[in-house]
Protein backbone atom coordinates (compact mmCIF):
# COMPACT_ATOMS: atom_id res chain seq x y z
CA MET A 1 92.56 104.40 159.23
CA LYS A 2 95.71 103.40 157.37
CA ASN A 3 94.18 100.16 156.56
CA ARG A 4 91.06 101.36 155.19
CA LYS A 5 92.93 104.19 153.01
CA LYS A 6 95.07 101.16 151.52
CA TRP A 7 92.06 99.10 151.25
CA MET A 8 89.99 102.14 149.48
CA SER A 9 93.32 102.75 147.05
CA VAL A 10 93.29 99.17 145.92
CA LEU A 11 89.66 99.05 145.33
CA ILE A 12 89.72 102.10 143.17
CA SER A 13 92.74 100.77 141.27
CA THR A 14 90.70 97.58 140.61
CA ILE A 15 87.93 99.50 139.19
CA LEU A 16 89.96 101.32 137.06
CA LEU A 17 92.00 98.42 135.94
CA VAL A 18 88.87 96.80 134.85
CA GLN A 19 87.55 99.74 133.01
CA THR A 20 91.02 99.81 131.15
CA LEU A 21 90.70 96.18 130.25
CA GLY A 22 87.23 96.88 128.99
CA GLU A 23 88.55 99.55 126.73
CA PRO A 24 92.12 98.49 125.59
CA SER A 25 92.69 101.68 123.90
CA LEU A 26 92.40 103.84 127.24
CA LEU A 27 96.20 103.59 127.14
CA LEU A 28 97.05 104.47 123.69
CA ALA A 29 97.87 107.89 123.86
CA ALA A 30 100.64 109.55 125.73
CA THR A 31 101.77 106.48 128.00
CA ASN A 32 105.43 107.22 127.84
CA SER A 33 104.80 110.79 128.84
CA LEU A 34 102.09 110.28 131.75
CA THR A 35 102.86 109.13 135.24
CA THR A 36 101.28 108.28 138.47
CA PRO A 37 101.78 109.18 141.62
CA THR A 38 103.59 106.92 143.83
CA THR A 39 101.93 108.15 146.85
CA THR A 40 98.23 109.20 147.41
CA PRO A 41 98.09 112.85 148.66
CA THR A 42 95.92 113.02 152.01
CA ASN A 43 93.67 115.92 150.87
CA PHE A 44 92.44 114.08 147.40
CA THR A 45 89.94 111.68 147.18
CA PRO A 46 90.46 109.01 144.80
CA GLN A 47 88.13 109.66 141.54
CA VAL A 48 86.80 107.40 138.99
CA ASN A 49 86.90 108.45 135.22
CA PRO A 50 83.21 109.29 133.60
CA SER A 51 82.13 106.87 131.19
CA LEU A 52 83.20 107.49 127.89
CA GLU A 53 79.67 108.12 126.89
CA GLU A 54 79.32 111.07 129.35
CA ILE A 55 83.18 112.39 128.43
CA ASN A 56 81.47 112.31 124.56
CA THR A 57 78.93 114.50 125.76
CA LEU A 58 81.02 117.11 127.54
CA LEU A 59 83.32 117.15 124.73
CA GLU A 60 80.83 117.91 122.33
CA LYS A 61 78.98 120.62 124.56
CA VAL A 62 82.19 122.26 125.26
CA ALA A 63 83.28 121.99 121.32
CA ARG A 64 79.89 123.64 120.64
CA GLU A 65 80.11 126.56 122.85
CA GLU A 66 83.74 127.29 121.92
CA GLU A 67 83.02 126.98 118.23
CA ILE A 68 85.33 123.94 117.46
CA PRO A 69 84.51 121.12 115.42
CA SER A 70 83.81 118.33 118.08
CA THR A 71 85.92 115.98 115.93
CA ILE A 72 89.05 118.19 116.33
CA LEU A 73 88.72 118.61 120.35
CA LYS A 74 87.61 114.97 120.73
CA ALA A 75 90.86 113.44 118.81
CA ILE A 76 92.92 116.20 120.74
CA ALA A 77 91.89 114.90 123.83
CA PHE A 78 92.42 111.11 122.72
CA GLN A 79 95.91 111.91 121.77
CA GLU A 80 96.63 113.95 124.89
CA SER A 81 95.14 111.23 127.41
CA SER A 82 92.84 108.82 125.70
CA TRP A 83 89.85 110.51 127.18
CA ARG A 84 91.35 110.08 131.17
CA GLN A 85 91.14 112.78 133.82
CA PHE A 86 92.30 110.45 136.78
CA ASP A 87 95.11 107.82 136.60
CA SER A 88 95.10 104.19 137.87
CA LEU A 89 94.95 105.21 141.11
CA GLY A 90 92.11 107.70 141.10
CA GLN A 91 94.35 110.58 141.17
CA PRO A 92 94.66 113.62 138.53
CA LEU A 93 96.13 112.41 135.38
CA LEU A 94 99.80 114.27 135.42
CA SER A 95 102.58 113.88 132.91
CA THR A 96 106.20 113.95 133.53
CA SER A 97 106.21 117.62 132.74
CA GLY A 98 103.43 118.26 135.30
CA ALA A 99 100.39 118.83 132.36
CA ILE A 100 97.00 117.85 133.84
CA GLY A 101 94.23 115.91 133.23
CA ILE A 102 92.15 115.19 130.09
CA MET A 103 93.24 118.06 127.92
CA GLN A 104 97.01 117.83 129.61
CA ILE A 105 97.11 121.47 130.74
CA SER A 106 100.15 123.08 131.79
CA PRO A 107 99.91 124.61 135.00
CA LYS A 108 102.86 126.88 134.26
CA TYR A 109 100.41 129.79 133.69
CA GLU A 110 97.34 128.88 135.62
CA SER A 111 96.38 130.35 138.83
CA PRO A 112 96.34 128.04 141.90
CA GLU A 113 92.65 127.98 142.24
CA ASN A 114 92.39 127.16 138.52
CA ILE A 115 95.03 124.16 139.12
CA VAL A 116 92.91 122.58 141.45
CA LYS A 117 89.77 122.81 139.46
CA LEU A 118 92.07 121.50 136.48
CA LYS A 119 92.86 118.21 138.30
CA THR A 120 89.43 117.91 139.85
CA ASP A 121 87.04 119.00 137.38
CA ILE A 122 86.60 117.03 134.05
CA GLU A 123 84.57 119.56 132.43
CA PHE A 124 86.76 122.94 133.68
CA ASN A 125 89.63 120.67 132.07
CA ILE A 126 87.94 120.43 128.52
CA ARG A 127 86.87 124.00 128.56
CA ARG A 128 90.49 125.31 129.38
CA GLY A 129 91.77 123.03 126.51
CA ALA A 130 89.25 124.59 124.28
CA GLU A 131 90.42 127.82 125.16
CA LEU A 132 93.88 127.27 124.81
CA LEU A 133 93.20 125.81 120.90
CA ASN A 134 91.23 128.82 120.61
CA GLU A 135 94.19 130.99 121.45
CA LYS A 136 96.42 129.07 119.12
CA TRP A 137 93.94 129.45 116.21
CA SER A 138 94.24 133.45 116.70
CA PHE A 139 98.16 133.29 117.11
CA VAL A 140 99.27 131.09 114.24
CA PRO A 141 98.66 131.95 110.27
CA LYS A 142 95.27 131.75 109.02
CA ILE A 143 94.52 129.02 106.76
CA GLY A 144 92.17 129.82 103.83
CA ASP A 145 89.24 132.20 104.34
CA GLY A 146 89.39 131.29 108.02
CA ASP A 147 86.56 129.16 108.19
CA ARG A 148 86.13 127.41 111.44
CA ASN A 149 84.00 124.56 110.33
CA LYS A 150 86.86 123.29 107.74
CA LEU A 151 88.73 120.53 109.17
CA GLU A 152 92.00 121.47 107.20
CA ASN A 153 91.76 124.85 108.50
CA TRP A 154 92.96 123.70 111.96
CA TYR A 155 96.24 122.35 110.80
CA PHE A 156 98.55 124.89 112.44
CA ALA A 157 96.26 125.44 115.71
CA ILE A 158 96.83 121.78 116.31
CA TRP A 159 100.12 121.85 115.98
CA ALA A 160 100.56 125.07 118.18
CA TYR A 161 98.31 123.17 120.99
CA ASN A 162 101.55 120.77 121.67
CA ILE A 163 104.18 123.15 120.82
CA TRP A 164 104.33 126.14 118.23
CA SER A 165 108.19 125.07 116.75
CA GLY A 166 110.06 123.35 114.13
CA LYS A 167 109.78 120.22 116.27
CA ASN A 168 106.13 119.90 114.74
CA ASN A 169 107.57 120.82 111.09
CA PRO A 170 107.19 117.71 109.20
CA ASN A 171 110.32 118.79 107.16
CA GLU A 172 112.35 119.41 110.33
CA ALA A 173 110.97 116.33 112.18
CA THR A 174 112.23 114.21 109.43
CA ASN A 175 115.62 115.55 109.01
CA THR A 176 117.01 116.74 112.55
CA SER A 177 116.95 115.12 116.16
CA THR A 178 117.13 118.36 117.87
CA THR A 179 114.27 120.09 119.81
CA SER A 180 113.15 123.50 118.68
CA ILE A 181 112.42 126.02 121.61
CA GLY A 182 108.62 127.44 121.16
CA VAL A 183 105.56 128.10 122.78
CA SER A 184 104.06 125.07 124.46
CA GLN A 185 101.34 124.25 126.77
CA GLY A 186 102.76 120.89 127.77
CA SER A 187 104.43 118.53 125.63
CA VAL A 188 103.14 115.12 125.73
CA THR A 189 104.83 113.40 122.89
CA PRO A 190 108.69 112.28 123.28
CA THR A 191 111.13 115.12 121.75
CA VAL A 192 114.13 113.02 120.81
CA THR A 193 114.33 111.24 117.67
CA SER A 194 116.99 109.26 115.32
CA PRO A 195 118.38 111.66 112.75
CA THR A 196 117.49 109.17 110.15
CA THR A 197 113.97 108.31 111.37
CA PRO A 198 110.81 109.99 109.89
CA VAL A 199 108.74 111.32 112.78
CA ILE A 200 105.11 111.89 112.98
CA VAL A 201 104.24 114.70 114.23
CA TYR A 202 101.83 116.13 116.71
CA GLN A 203 99.37 117.41 114.21
CA GLU A 204 99.81 114.50 111.89
CA ASP A 205 99.19 112.09 114.51
CA VAL A 206 95.91 113.57 115.27
CA LEU A 207 94.78 113.95 112.31
CA LYS A 208 96.02 110.18 111.45
CA LYS A 209 93.58 109.21 114.49
CA ILE A 210 90.62 111.37 112.61
CA ALA A 211 91.13 109.27 109.46
CA ASN A 212 91.19 105.85 111.26
CA PRO A 213 90.07 106.33 114.87
CA PRO A 214 91.45 103.68 116.88
CA ALA A 215 89.27 100.90 118.91
CA TRP A 216 86.38 102.53 120.74
CA LEU A 217 87.26 106.14 119.25
CA ALA A 218 85.31 104.83 116.24
CA ARG A 219 82.13 105.18 118.31
CA TYR A 220 82.44 108.63 118.90
CA ILE A 221 83.95 110.13 115.77
CA PRO A 222 83.44 109.99 112.01
CA ALA A 223 86.36 108.54 110.18
CA VAL A 224 87.51 111.87 108.19
CA GLU A 225 90.87 112.18 105.88
CA VAL A 226 91.62 115.37 106.40
CA THR A 227 93.78 116.70 103.74
CA ARG A 228 97.09 118.08 105.09
CA VAL A 229 98.74 121.34 104.31
CA PRO A 230 101.56 119.92 101.85
CA ALA A 231 105.06 119.12 103.53
CA SER A 232 106.52 120.89 100.26
CA SER A 233 104.51 124.41 101.02
CA LEU A 234 106.23 124.42 104.62
CA PRO A 235 109.56 125.67 105.84
CA ALA A 236 112.38 123.52 105.57
CA GLN A 237 112.76 124.52 109.55
CA GLY A 238 110.88 126.27 111.97
CA VAL A 239 107.30 127.53 111.82
CA PRO A 240 105.02 128.77 108.95
CA GLN A 241 104.66 132.77 108.78
CA LYS A 242 101.68 134.92 108.62
CA THR A 243 102.96 136.55 105.67
CA VAL A 244 102.75 134.06 103.54
CA PRO A 245 99.46 133.02 102.24
CA TRP A 246 97.98 129.54 103.05
CA THR A 247 95.20 128.15 101.13
CA THR A 248 92.73 125.62 102.68
CA PRO A 249 93.99 122.06 101.46
CA LEU A 250 91.14 120.28 98.84
CA PRO A 251 89.26 118.63 99.29
CA TYR A 252 88.03 120.28 102.54
CA HIS A 253 85.86 118.70 104.90
CA LEU A 254 83.32 120.15 106.78
CA GLY A 255 83.00 119.61 110.88
CA ASP A 256 79.65 120.00 112.97
CA LEU A 257 79.25 123.73 113.60
CA ASN A 258 75.93 124.67 112.67
CA ALA A 259 74.84 121.27 112.02
CA GLY A 260 71.86 121.15 109.52
CA ALA A 261 72.10 124.75 108.44
CA VAL A 262 72.25 125.26 104.61
CA THR A 263 73.14 128.41 102.49
CA LYS A 264 73.72 129.34 98.70
CA VAL A 265 76.84 128.61 97.71
CA VAL A 266 79.30 131.30 95.81
CA PRO A 267 81.59 128.83 93.80
CA GLU A 268 85.18 129.55 93.38
CA TRP A 269 86.01 128.86 89.91
CA MET A 270 89.40 127.21 89.60
CA ARG A 271 91.42 126.27 86.16
CA LEU A 272 93.56 123.31 86.24
CA GLN A 273 95.76 123.59 83.28
CA GLY A 274 99.33 122.41 81.87
CA SER A 275 101.18 123.07 79.08
CA ASP A 276 99.66 120.17 77.05
CA ARG A 277 97.16 116.71 78.01
CA ILE A 278 100.01 115.21 79.77
CA ASP A 279 100.82 118.06 81.68
CA THR A 280 97.16 118.93 82.65
CA ALA A 281 96.78 115.40 83.71
CA LEU A 282 99.78 115.82 86.12
CA GLN A 283 98.38 119.25 87.40
CA GLN A 284 95.34 117.27 88.25
CA ALA A 285 97.11 114.69 90.12
CA GLN A 286 99.04 117.00 92.29
CA LYS A 287 95.98 119.10 93.10
CA GLY A 288 94.21 115.66 94.24
CA TRP A 289 97.38 113.72 96.00
CA PRO A 290 99.49 116.33 97.60
CA GLN A 291 100.41 113.52 99.98
CA GLY A 292 101.28 110.98 97.42
CA SER A 293 99.11 107.98 96.43
CA LYS A 294 99.64 104.02 97.17
CA SER A 295 98.57 103.34 93.51
CA VAL A 296 98.64 105.25 90.22
CA ILE A 297 97.04 104.19 86.80
CA LEU A 298 98.98 105.22 83.38
CA ALA A 299 97.20 105.41 80.32
CA ARG A 300 98.38 106.53 76.66
CA ALA A 301 97.61 110.44 76.07
CA ASP A 302 97.06 109.86 72.04
CA ASN A 303 94.32 107.46 72.16
CA PHE A 304 91.06 106.68 74.39
CA PRO A 305 89.75 102.93 74.04
CA ASP A 306 92.06 101.18 76.48
CA ALA A 307 91.75 103.92 79.31
CA LEU A 308 87.66 104.53 78.70
CA ALA A 309 86.46 102.04 81.38
CA GLY A 310 89.54 102.98 83.94
CA VAL A 311 88.08 105.38 86.07
CA PRO A 312 86.05 102.97 88.28
CA LEU A 313 89.04 101.43 88.95
CA ALA A 314 91.00 104.54 89.99
CA ALA A 315 88.02 105.29 92.31
CA ARG A 316 88.48 101.88 93.72
CA LEU A 317 92.16 102.67 94.25
CA ASP A 318 91.65 106.14 95.05
CA ALA A 319 94.30 106.72 92.33
CA PRO A 320 95.03 109.49 89.92
CA ILE A 321 95.14 108.63 86.36
CA LEU A 322 98.35 109.82 84.65
CA LEU A 323 98.64 110.14 80.82
CA THR A 324 102.00 109.49 78.70
CA SER A 325 103.27 108.74 75.15
CA SER A 326 102.33 105.37 73.93
CA GLN A 327 105.97 103.90 73.67
CA GLU A 328 108.08 106.43 75.74
CA LEU A 329 107.74 107.24 79.31
CA ASP A 330 107.24 111.12 79.66
CA PRO A 331 110.08 112.45 81.66
CA ARG A 332 107.63 114.42 83.44
CA VAL A 333 105.63 111.67 84.46
CA LEU A 334 108.58 110.05 86.01
CA VAL A 335 109.11 113.37 88.07
CA THR A 336 105.74 112.98 89.13
CA LEU A 337 105.76 109.45 89.84
CA ASN A 338 108.87 110.14 92.36
CA THR A 339 106.76 112.48 94.03
CA LEU A 340 103.71 110.61 94.54
CA GLN A 341 105.59 107.63 95.38
CA PRO A 342 103.16 104.96 94.67
CA GLN A 343 103.58 101.20 95.69
CA THR A 344 101.82 99.93 92.52
CA ILE A 345 101.59 101.28 89.01
CA TYR A 346 98.72 100.09 86.62
CA LEU A 347 99.35 100.26 82.82
CA LEU A 348 96.15 100.03 81.05
CA GLY A 349 95.98 98.38 77.97
CA GLY A 350 98.61 95.96 76.09
CA GLU A 351 102.06 96.73 74.52
CA GLY A 352 100.61 98.14 71.89
CA ALA A 353 99.10 101.00 74.04
CA LEU A 354 101.99 101.34 76.69
CA GLY A 355 105.36 99.67 75.32
CA THR A 356 107.90 97.71 77.03
CA LYS A 357 110.36 100.80 77.06
CA ILE A 358 107.84 102.31 79.55
CA THR A 359 107.80 99.38 81.87
CA THR A 360 111.59 99.11 81.43
CA ILE A 361 112.35 102.71 82.56
CA LEU A 362 109.84 102.10 85.25
CA GLU A 363 112.02 99.02 86.56
CA GLU A 364 115.47 100.82 86.11
CA LYS A 365 113.86 103.46 88.40
CA GLY A 366 113.05 101.21 91.47
CA TRP A 367 109.32 99.84 90.95
CA GLY A 368 109.84 95.92 90.59
CA LYS A 369 108.14 93.75 88.31
CA GLU A 370 105.51 92.83 91.41
CA ASN A 371 104.79 97.00 91.50
CA ILE A 372 103.99 97.36 87.81
CA VAL A 373 100.76 95.60 86.90
CA ARG A 374 99.26 95.73 83.37
CA ILE A 375 95.70 95.36 82.64
CA SER A 376 94.62 94.43 78.94
CA GLY A 377 93.18 92.44 76.66
CA ASP A 378 93.07 91.48 73.03
CA SER A 379 90.80 94.46 71.92
CA ARG A 380 89.18 97.33 73.76
CA TYR A 381 85.96 95.59 74.71
CA SER A 382 88.00 92.67 76.27
CA THR A 383 90.36 95.26 78.04
CA ALA A 384 87.33 97.09 79.46
CA SER A 385 86.08 93.86 80.24
CA SER A 386 89.62 93.09 82.41
CA LEU A 387 88.87 96.56 84.10
CA ALA A 388 85.52 95.77 85.12
CA LEU A 389 86.03 92.46 86.69
CA ALA A 390 89.03 93.65 88.41
CA THR A 391 86.96 96.91 89.90
CA ALA A 392 84.47 94.40 91.10
CA ALA A 393 86.87 91.65 92.40
CA THR A 394 86.77 91.32 96.23
CA SER A 395 90.42 91.44 96.33
CA LEU A 396 92.59 92.36 93.45
CA PRO A 397 92.94 89.39 91.26
CA ALA A 398 95.93 87.37 91.08
CA ILE A 399 98.78 88.38 88.83
CA THR A 400 100.51 86.59 86.50
CA ALA A 401 104.28 86.28 86.55
CA GLU A 402 104.54 88.70 83.44
CA GLY A 403 102.30 91.32 85.93
CA ASN A 404 99.50 90.96 83.94
CA ILE A 405 95.48 91.12 84.69
CA SER A 406 93.45 89.88 81.82
CA ILE A 407 90.02 87.98 81.43
CA GLN A 408 91.85 84.85 81.53
CA THR A 409 93.55 85.76 84.56
CA ILE A 410 90.46 86.60 86.27
CA SER A 411 89.51 83.07 86.68
CA GLN A 412 85.73 82.02 87.34
CA GLY A 413 86.77 81.33 90.87
CA THR A 414 87.57 84.91 91.74
CA SER A 415 85.04 86.08 94.13
CA LEU A 416 83.04 89.26 92.99
CA GLN A 417 81.48 91.92 94.91
CA SER A 418 77.99 92.70 94.29
CA ILE A 419 77.39 94.82 91.65
CA PRO A 420 74.08 96.82 91.60
CA ALA A 421 74.77 98.28 88.33
CA VAL A 422 76.57 98.52 85.24
CA ALA A 423 77.04 101.27 82.76
CA ILE A 424 77.19 100.09 78.87
CA ALA A 425 78.53 102.67 76.23
CA THR A 426 80.06 102.86 72.77
CA GLY A 427 83.92 102.07 72.35
CA GLU A 428 83.68 103.59 69.08
CA ASN A 429 83.84 106.90 70.33
CA PHE A 430 84.73 108.65 74.19
CA PRO A 431 81.79 111.09 75.12
CA ASP A 432 79.21 108.84 76.51
CA ALA A 433 81.77 106.83 78.33
CA LEU A 434 83.39 109.53 79.74
CA GLY A 435 80.19 111.69 80.85
CA ILE A 436 79.18 108.69 83.11
CA ALA A 437 82.67 107.93 84.03
CA SER A 438 83.14 110.44 87.42
CA ILE A 439 79.29 108.85 88.53
CA ALA A 440 80.07 105.48 87.90
CA GLY A 441 83.59 105.96 90.00
CA ALA A 442 81.56 107.15 92.69
CA LYS A 443 79.12 104.42 92.62
CA LYS A 444 81.75 101.81 92.07
CA MET A 445 79.82 100.93 88.83
CA PRO A 446 81.88 98.89 86.09
CA ILE A 447 81.60 100.28 82.28
CA LEU A 448 81.78 97.94 79.59
CA LEU A 449 82.03 98.66 76.18
CA THR A 450 79.77 97.49 73.03
CA SER A 451 79.84 98.15 69.45
CA ALA A 452 76.89 99.34 67.93
CA GLU A 453 74.96 96.33 66.21
CA GLU A 454 76.73 93.54 68.15
CA ILE A 455 77.82 93.16 71.54
CA PRO A 456 81.23 91.55 71.62
CA THR A 457 81.50 88.12 73.27
CA GLU A 458 83.90 89.04 75.79
CA THR A 459 81.37 92.11 77.11
CA LEU A 460 78.48 89.95 77.31
CA GLU A 461 80.35 87.05 79.30
CA THR A 462 82.04 89.88 81.59
CA LEU A 463 78.08 91.28 82.15
CA LYS A 464 76.87 87.81 82.59
CA ARG A 465 79.42 87.09 85.44
CA LEU A 466 78.67 90.30 86.89
CA ASN A 467 75.13 89.85 86.88
CA PRO A 468 73.77 93.36 87.77
CA ALA A 469 70.40 94.06 88.96
CA LYS A 470 70.27 97.17 86.89
CA VAL A 471 72.17 97.99 83.43
CA TYR A 472 72.40 101.52 82.21
CA LEU A 473 72.66 102.17 78.00
CA ILE A 474 74.61 105.30 77.89
CA GLY A 475 73.69 106.68 74.24
CA GLY A 476 71.29 106.84 71.65
CA LYS A 477 70.41 103.80 69.10
CA GLY A 478 73.00 105.04 66.80
CA SER A 479 75.40 104.43 69.29
CA ILE A 480 73.65 101.38 70.62
CA SER A 481 71.25 99.34 68.78
CA LEU A 482 68.14 98.18 70.12
CA GLN A 483 69.21 94.74 68.79
CA VAL A 484 72.03 95.08 71.27
CA GLU A 485 69.59 96.08 74.03
CA GLN A 486 67.42 93.06 73.52
CA GLN A 487 70.26 90.88 73.62
CA ILE A 488 71.30 92.11 76.78
CA LYS A 489 67.85 91.95 78.32
CA ASP A 490 67.66 88.27 77.16
CA SER A 491 70.80 87.18 78.25
CA LEU A 492 70.75 88.27 81.83
CA ASN A 493 66.67 88.31 81.94
CA LEU A 494 66.18 91.80 82.77
CA SER A 495 62.82 93.24 82.75
CA SER A 496 62.13 96.82 81.04
CA THR A 497 62.45 98.39 84.20
CA GLN A 498 66.03 97.19 85.01
CA ILE A 499 67.66 98.31 81.73
CA ARG A 500 67.36 102.09 81.08
CA ARG A 501 68.60 104.04 78.40
CA LEU A 502 70.54 107.56 79.04
CA ALA A 503 70.39 109.40 75.55
CA GLY A 504 70.24 112.74 74.01
CA ALA A 505 70.51 114.43 70.36
CA SER A 506 74.05 115.10 70.93
CA ARG A 507 77.02 114.15 73.17
CA TYR A 508 75.90 117.23 75.53
CA ASP A 509 72.36 116.15 75.52
CA THR A 510 73.41 112.54 76.50
CA MET A 511 75.64 114.59 79.56
CA ALA A 512 72.15 116.32 80.68
CA ALA A 513 70.41 112.87 80.51
CA VAL A 514 73.18 111.10 82.78
CA ALA A 515 73.44 114.13 85.17
CA GLN A 516 69.42 114.49 85.46
CA GLU A 517 69.44 110.61 86.22
CA PHE A 518 71.91 110.54 89.05
CA GLN A 519 71.09 114.01 90.16
CA GLY A 520 70.80 112.81 93.98
CA ASP A 521 74.47 112.10 94.13
CA ILE A 522 75.93 114.76 92.63
CA GLN A 523 77.69 117.03 95.44
CA ASN A 524 80.03 119.28 93.45
CA LEU A 525 80.85 119.88 89.80
CA SER A 526 83.74 120.00 87.59
CA PHE A 527 84.06 120.82 83.72
CA ALA A 528 85.86 119.37 80.74
CA THR A 529 85.57 119.58 77.12
CA GLY A 530 83.38 117.22 75.18
CA GLU A 531 85.48 117.51 72.23
CA ASP A 532 88.62 115.33 73.38
CA PHE A 533 88.87 112.61 76.00
CA PRO A 534 92.51 113.30 77.85
CA ASP A 535 91.22 116.02 80.34
CA ALA A 536 87.93 114.28 81.15
CA LEU A 537 89.71 111.20 81.51
CA ALA A 538 92.35 112.15 84.17
CA GLY A 539 89.90 114.71 85.30
CA ALA A 540 87.48 112.24 86.43
CA ALA A 541 89.95 110.65 88.41
CA LEU A 542 90.28 113.70 90.41
CA ALA A 543 86.43 114.64 90.47
CA THR A 544 85.68 111.13 92.05
CA HIS A 545 88.53 111.72 94.51
CA GLN A 546 86.76 114.92 95.68
CA SER A 547 83.03 113.67 95.58
CA SER A 548 82.52 115.75 92.54
CA THR A 549 81.15 115.05 89.11
CA ILE A 550 82.51 115.93 85.77
CA VAL A 551 80.36 117.44 83.04
CA LEU A 552 81.17 117.78 79.38
CA VAL A 553 80.89 121.29 78.05
CA PRO A 554 81.18 122.14 74.18
CA LYS A 555 83.45 124.69 72.66
CA THR A 556 81.09 127.02 71.17
CA SER A 557 78.02 127.73 73.42
CA LEU A 558 75.95 126.21 76.18
CA GLU A 559 72.98 128.13 74.27
CA GLU A 560 73.20 125.44 71.43
CA TYR A 561 72.61 122.56 74.02
CA PRO A 562 69.49 123.88 76.09
CA GLY A 563 69.21 120.69 77.83
CA LEU A 564 72.48 120.91 79.54
CA GLN A 565 72.19 124.64 79.94
CA ASN A 566 69.02 124.16 81.95
CA TRP A 567 70.10 121.50 83.98
CA LEU A 568 73.47 123.11 84.94
CA LYS A 569 71.48 126.51 85.54
CA GLY A 570 69.33 124.62 88.10
CA GLN A 571 71.95 122.32 89.76
CA ILE A 572 74.49 125.22 90.26
CA GLN A 573 71.98 127.57 91.72
CA THR A 574 70.96 124.86 94.01
CA LEU A 575 74.32 123.47 95.51
CA THR A 576 74.38 124.05 99.10
CA VAL A 577 77.04 122.99 101.82
CA PRO A 578 76.66 123.60 105.62
CA VAL A 579 77.06 127.10 106.99
CA ALA A 580 80.28 127.96 108.18
CA SER A 581 80.79 129.39 111.88
CA ASN A 582 81.47 132.84 110.21
CA GLY A 583 78.40 133.01 108.19
CA ASN A 584 80.08 132.03 104.82
CA SER A 585 80.59 128.86 102.74
CA SER A 586 82.73 128.29 100.01
CA LEU A 587 82.91 125.66 97.08
CA SER A 588 85.35 125.44 94.39
CA LEU A 589 84.53 124.34 90.49
CA TYR A 590 87.00 122.98 88.35
CA LEU A 591 87.50 124.06 84.75
CA MET A 592 89.83 120.79 83.28
CA GLY A 593 92.43 122.49 80.76
CA GLY A 594 93.23 125.68 79.30
CA SER A 595 91.33 128.17 77.43
CA GLY A 596 91.93 125.95 74.07
CA ALA A 597 89.79 122.94 75.83
CA ILE A 598 87.24 125.16 77.71
CA PRO A 599 87.40 128.69 76.25
CA GLN A 600 86.83 131.77 78.06
CA LYS A 601 83.36 132.40 76.74
CA ILE A 602 82.10 129.03 78.09
CA GLU A 603 83.79 129.91 81.21
CA GLN A 604 81.63 133.37 81.37
CA GLU A 605 78.66 131.45 80.58
CA LEU A 606 78.88 129.10 83.30
CA LYS A 607 79.57 132.01 85.68
CA SER A 608 76.55 133.71 84.35
CA LEU A 609 74.33 130.85 85.22
CA VAL A 610 75.43 131.74 89.25
CA ALA A 611 73.97 134.94 88.77
CA GLN A 612 70.61 134.59 87.04
């Protein structure tokens, strides 16, 4: 009999070992805190974990019934046990503290009957974990409107699932090695850290797995970069308080509760403004990238040509655009750079656009020459061409010893991605290029510039290299002549259906034509003045980051531009998002700039379109 049990134990261990080797990341989560019994209890028959597909089905079933986005529950289960209910000997998976099974439930407050079920019944274990997560949801401070379908609103509940104490406060975890006393259902992650070593706290680790699902987990959850509650808004120590209002971090992302249902949106209008154009761009960057950004794009604040084509590159890099004086680095910009902590700073334009004093101070503040990249050309047209090629390159082109990217440095040998379409706008003014900017960014569509009567050589050569299947001309014949249109058609051998002009009688009518053309790609709206370029330029980078579209609006009245007004009326009234579990939905519409840029009259006209 003993030999038979020994043989059975070896067989189960072999089966589980094969299963683990087939799914290498089964051992990724919590391996340091999980323990294997040295002896097999005589009253427990060794078990085999269900398949990943079966576990995924159980997690989705329980998540749906407990009104938890399945991505959240699946990621927590992975963090706790790598979706294992039983260990390599077929015994219930136990942590060093005694936490049980796939959801690592502490037995401390469980009845003897429940403890047995937690060990033997994987669905019961999952459900108990979901119930505890819901208890944490009710216990911790509410985030935003309490919509359970917004993944961002679960930040504190995930924190508390592990332990509701300063141990999981990113600020305290980074600065101290002591472990706080708190409410815990069973801590799986190690608690002792070096005072000088940054720690990835529990909820951040869970969200990291949602953003980049390891190995086989990517088959069961979509990769979503959940926006964190900014560490700067959290207390230096301890836990967040219910007396403090906690807004939902933006952009927010919806889970799968009530999947497929839609509702009409009642927008929340938010104005992003600073004391001047430079400060407004900084406000936009801080709103969109509260956790920092690997890259930042820097453009001059007083003139537009070098920056007009920069938004698609910003979209590729997922980077904000900051503005500064031409020959001096604005001190406020330096403060924001220190907050964003970019690895690379891209300067748009030559030294005449952004002077050497700027690069000098950046180097003095710690950014090496290899981290400061200037993208430039001999003219606005060649700078736009350099930006277009950098945007389309399979990998960012080699940088010269001087830290430059130009048409010359992007050699013919540089590999380019397949580019379905290119937008061409006049380089003599800004509205047409900025009207397409956020859409071009979202579609990774390079923007090239031309003069009215003749296409510049560098623009035409770059267009040939990109070889797009379609070309959009943004603006009327006064901006891009028929002669230029024909020259493009002949050079690329395009048919009449492959070149399309989007134009109207005014810049706002052209804006309406662009919006109508790309109607199916527009998810959300942001607004900037069409009378000047800075708010729309930096705002387009933010809009692209938030899956939104910048719409240029006048200072006078929407009624003067019925084409734009009618399109906006139809678009705003039909904006829909999945219904939240509480039956409500919300959506933020941004106004870029103060009332001097977008007057109160225009704001009221936009709001009135919702009510009509």
